[in-house]
Amino acid sequence: YKMVEVNTLKILKEKGAMFRRSIMRSALRTEARKLIGDTGMLDHLLKHMAGKVAPNGHERFKRSHNVD
């Protein structure tokens, strides 16, 4: 689970995702599947990571909904 969080954070940073500059879930999932083989674990993390402190302890995962 921790490895999935670390790899997700790595991808978010590589893509420049931050507050008010998000990345679409589908794009994040596509990139994450290259590093994370268990898509069930990935989907679970993406669903439940909102508000959780990132593995580095300095940032939080934030989830937003695309109304379009």
N, C-alpha and C. Protein backbone atom coordinates (compact mmCIF):
# COMPACT_ATOMS: atom_id res chain seq x y z
N TYR A 1 0.84 -1.19 0.00
CA TYR A 1 0.00 0.00 0.00
C TYR A 1 0.88 1.25 0.00
N LYS A 2 1.93 1.23 0.81
CA LYS A 2 2.83 2.38 0.89
C LYS A 2 3.54 2.60 -0.44
N MET A 3 3.94 1.52 -1.12
CA MET A 3 4.59 1.64 -2.41
C MET A 3 3.66 2.31 -3.43
N VAL A 4 2.39 1.95 -3.39
CA VAL A 4 1.41 2.55 -4.30
C VAL A 4 1.29 4.05 -4.02
N GLU A 5 1.26 4.43 -2.75
CA GLU A 5 1.21 5.85 -2.39
C GLU A 5 2.44 6.60 -2.87
N VAL A 6 3.61 6.02 -2.65
CA VAL A 6 4.86 6.66 -3.05
C VAL A 6 4.91 6.83 -4.57
N ASN A 7 4.54 5.79 -5.30
CA ASN A 7 4.56 5.88 -6.77
C ASN A 7 3.51 6.86 -7.29
N THR A 8 2.36 6.91 -6.65
CA THR A 8 1.33 7.87 -7.05
C THR A 8 1.82 9.29 -6.82
N LEU A 9 2.44 9.55 -5.69
CA LEU A 9 2.98 10.88 -5.40
C LEU A 9 4.06 11.24 -6.42
N LYS A 10 4.91 10.27 -6.76
CA LYS A 10 5.97 10.49 -7.75
C LYS A 10 5.36 10.91 -9.10
N ILE A 11 4.32 10.22 -9.53
CA ILE A 11 3.67 10.54 -10.79
C ILE A 11 3.04 11.93 -10.73
N LEU A 12 2.36 12.24 -9.64
CA LEU A 12 1.74 13.56 -9.50
C LEU A 12 2.78 14.67 -9.61
N LYS A 13 3.92 14.48 -8.98
CA LYS A 13 4.98 15.48 -9.04
C LYS A 13 5.56 15.59 -10.46
N GLU A 14 5.77 14.45 -11.12
CA GLU A 14 6.29 14.46 -12.49
C GLU A 14 5.35 15.19 -13.44
N LYS A 15 4.06 15.05 -13.23
CA LYS A 15 3.06 15.67 -14.09
C LYS A 15 2.76 17.12 -13.68
N GLY A 16 3.38 17.58 -12.60
CA GLY A 16 3.18 18.96 -12.16
C GLY A 16 1.84 19.21 -11.50
N ALA A 17 1.21 18.16 -11.01
CA ALA A 17 -0.09 18.31 -10.36
C ALA A 17 0.08 18.99 -9.00
N MET A 18 -0.79 19.96 -8.76
CA MET A 18 -0.79 20.67 -7.48
C MET A 18 -2.16 21.30 -7.32
N PHE A 19 -2.35 22.00 -6.23
CA PHE A 19 -3.62 22.66 -5.97
C PHE A 19 -3.97 23.57 -7.14
N ARG A 20 -5.15 23.41 -7.66
CA ARG A 20 -5.68 24.17 -8.81
C ARG A 20 -4.99 23.83 -10.13
N ARG A 21 -4.19 22.80 -10.13
CA ARG A 21 -3.59 22.29 -11.37
C ARG A 21 -3.57 20.78 -11.26
N SER A 22 -4.72 20.22 -11.45
CA SER A 22 -4.88 18.78 -11.21
C SER A 22 -4.58 17.96 -12.45
N ILE A 23 -4.59 16.67 -12.26
CA ILE A 23 -4.42 15.71 -13.34
C ILE A 23 -5.67 14.84 -13.36
N MET A 24 -6.15 14.52 -14.52
CA MET A 24 -7.34 13.68 -14.64
C MET A 24 -7.04 12.28 -14.11
N ARG A 25 -8.03 11.69 -13.48
CA ARG A 25 -7.88 10.37 -12.88
C ARG A 25 -7.44 9.35 -13.93
N SER A 26 -8.03 9.41 -15.11
CA SER A 26 -7.68 8.45 -16.15
C SER A 26 -6.21 8.55 -16.56
N ALA A 27 -5.69 9.78 -16.63
CA ALA A 27 -4.28 9.97 -16.99
C ALA A 27 -3.38 9.47 -15.85
N LEU A 28 -3.76 9.76 -14.62
CA LEU A 28 -2.99 9.29 -13.46
C LEU A 28 -3.00 7.77 -13.42
N ARG A 29 -4.15 7.18 -13.65
CA ARG A 29 -4.27 5.73 -13.60
C ARG A 29 -3.44 5.07 -14.71
N THR A 30 -3.44 5.66 -15.89
CA THR A 30 -2.64 5.11 -17.00
C THR A 30 -1.16 5.11 -16.66
N GLU A 31 -0.66 6.21 -16.12
CA GLU A 31 0.74 6.29 -15.73
C GLU A 31 1.06 5.35 -14.57
N ALA A 32 0.16 5.29 -13.61
CA ALA A 32 0.40 4.45 -12.43
C ALA A 32 0.42 2.97 -12.77
N ARG A 33 -0.36 2.57 -13.76
CA ARG A 33 -0.39 1.15 -14.14
C ARG A 33 0.96 0.68 -14.65
N LYS A 34 1.80 1.59 -15.12
CA LYS A 34 3.14 1.22 -15.57
C LYS A 34 4.02 0.80 -14.40
N LEU A 35 3.75 1.36 -13.21
CA LEU A 35 4.56 1.08 -12.03
C LEU A 35 3.87 0.13 -11.05
N ILE A 36 2.54 0.12 -11.09
CA ILE A 36 1.76 -0.64 -10.11
C ILE A 36 0.95 -1.69 -10.86
N GLY A 37 1.24 -2.93 -10.60
CA GLY A 37 0.56 -4.00 -11.30
C GLY A 37 -0.85 -4.28 -10.81
N ASP A 38 -1.11 -4.03 -9.53
CA ASP A 38 -2.40 -4.35 -8.93
C ASP A 38 -3.36 -3.18 -9.13
N THR A 39 -4.19 -3.28 -10.16
CA THR A 39 -5.10 -2.16 -10.45
C THR A 39 -6.19 -2.03 -9.39
N GLY A 40 -6.52 -3.11 -8.72
CA GLY A 40 -7.50 -3.04 -7.62
C GLY A 40 -6.96 -2.19 -6.49
N MET A 41 -5.71 -2.38 -6.15
CA MET A 41 -5.07 -1.58 -5.10
C MET A 41 -5.01 -0.12 -5.53
N LEU A 42 -4.67 0.11 -6.77
CA LEU A 42 -4.60 1.47 -7.29
C LEU A 42 -5.96 2.16 -7.22
N ASP A 43 -7.00 1.47 -7.67
CA ASP A 43 -8.34 2.05 -7.63
C ASP A 43 -8.77 2.35 -6.20
N HIS A 44 -8.45 1.44 -5.28
CA HIS A 44 -8.77 1.66 -3.87
C HIS A 44 -8.07 2.91 -3.34
N LEU A 45 -6.79 3.04 -3.64
CA LEU A 45 -6.02 4.20 -3.18
C LEU A 45 -6.60 5.49 -3.75
N LEU A 46 -6.87 5.51 -5.04
CA LEU A 46 -7.40 6.72 -5.68
C LEU A 46 -8.74 7.12 -5.08
N LYS A 47 -9.51 6.15 -4.68
CA LYS A 47 -10.82 6.43 -4.10
C LYS A 47 -10.72 6.97 -2.68
N HIS A 48 -9.74 6.49 -1.92
CA HIS A 48 -9.66 6.79 -0.49
C HIS A 48 -8.50 7.69 -0.08
N MET A 49 -7.79 8.28 -1.03
CA MET A 49 -6.62 9.07 -0.65
C MET A 49 -6.94 10.52 -0.30
N ALA A 50 -8.14 10.99 -0.57
CA ALA A 50 -8.49 12.39 -0.34
C ALA A 50 -8.24 12.79 1.12
N GLY A 51 -7.48 13.85 1.29
CA GLY A 51 -7.20 14.38 2.62
C GLY A 51 -6.09 13.66 3.37
N LYS A 52 -5.57 12.60 2.81
CA LYS A 52 -4.53 11.81 3.47
C LYS A 52 -3.17 12.47 3.28
N VAL A 53 -2.34 12.43 4.30
CA VAL A 53 -0.99 12.98 4.21
C VAL A 53 -0.16 12.11 3.28
N ALA A 54 0.55 12.77 2.37
CA ALA A 54 1.39 12.05 1.41
C ALA A 54 2.57 11.40 2.13
N PRO A 55 3.19 10.38 1.53
CA PRO A 55 4.29 9.67 2.19
C PRO A 55 5.45 10.56 2.64
N ASN A 56 5.65 11.71 1.99
CA ASN A 56 6.75 12.58 2.42
C ASN A 56 6.42 13.36 3.68
N GLY A 57 5.16 13.35 4.10
CA GLY A 57 4.75 14.00 5.34
C GLY A 57 4.57 15.50 5.25
N HIS A 58 4.78 16.08 4.08
CA HIS A 58 4.70 17.53 3.92
C HIS A 58 3.52 17.98 3.07
N GLU A 59 2.87 17.06 2.40
CA GLU A 59 1.78 17.40 1.49
C GLU A 59 0.59 16.49 1.76
N ARG A 60 -0.56 16.89 1.24
CA ARG A 60 -1.77 16.07 1.33
C ARG A 60 -2.27 15.77 -0.07
N PHE A 61 -2.83 14.58 -0.19
CA PHE A 61 -3.51 14.24 -1.42
C PHE A 61 -4.85 14.96 -1.41
N LYS A 62 -5.23 15.54 -2.54
CA LYS A 62 -6.52 16.21 -2.65
C LYS A 62 -7.23 15.63 -3.86
N ARG A 63 -8.49 15.42 -3.71
CA ARG A 63 -9.29 14.88 -4.81
C ARG A 63 -10.35 15.91 -5.16
N SER A 64 -10.55 16.13 -6.43
CA SER A 64 -11.61 17.03 -6.87
C SER A 64 -12.42 16.35 -7.95
N HIS A 65 -13.60 16.83 -8.16
CA HIS A 65 -14.49 16.22 -9.14
C HIS A 65 -14.60 17.13 -10.35
N ASN A 66 -14.52 16.54 -11.51
CA ASN A 66 -14.64 17.26 -12.77
C ASN A 66 -16.11 17.30 -13.15
N VAL A 67 -16.71 18.47 -13.13
CA VAL A 67 -18.14 18.58 -13.42
C VAL A 67 -18.43 18.45 -14.90
N ASP A 68 -17.41 18.55 -15.74
CA ASP A 68 -17.61 18.39 -17.18
C ASP A 68 -17.68 16.92 -17.50
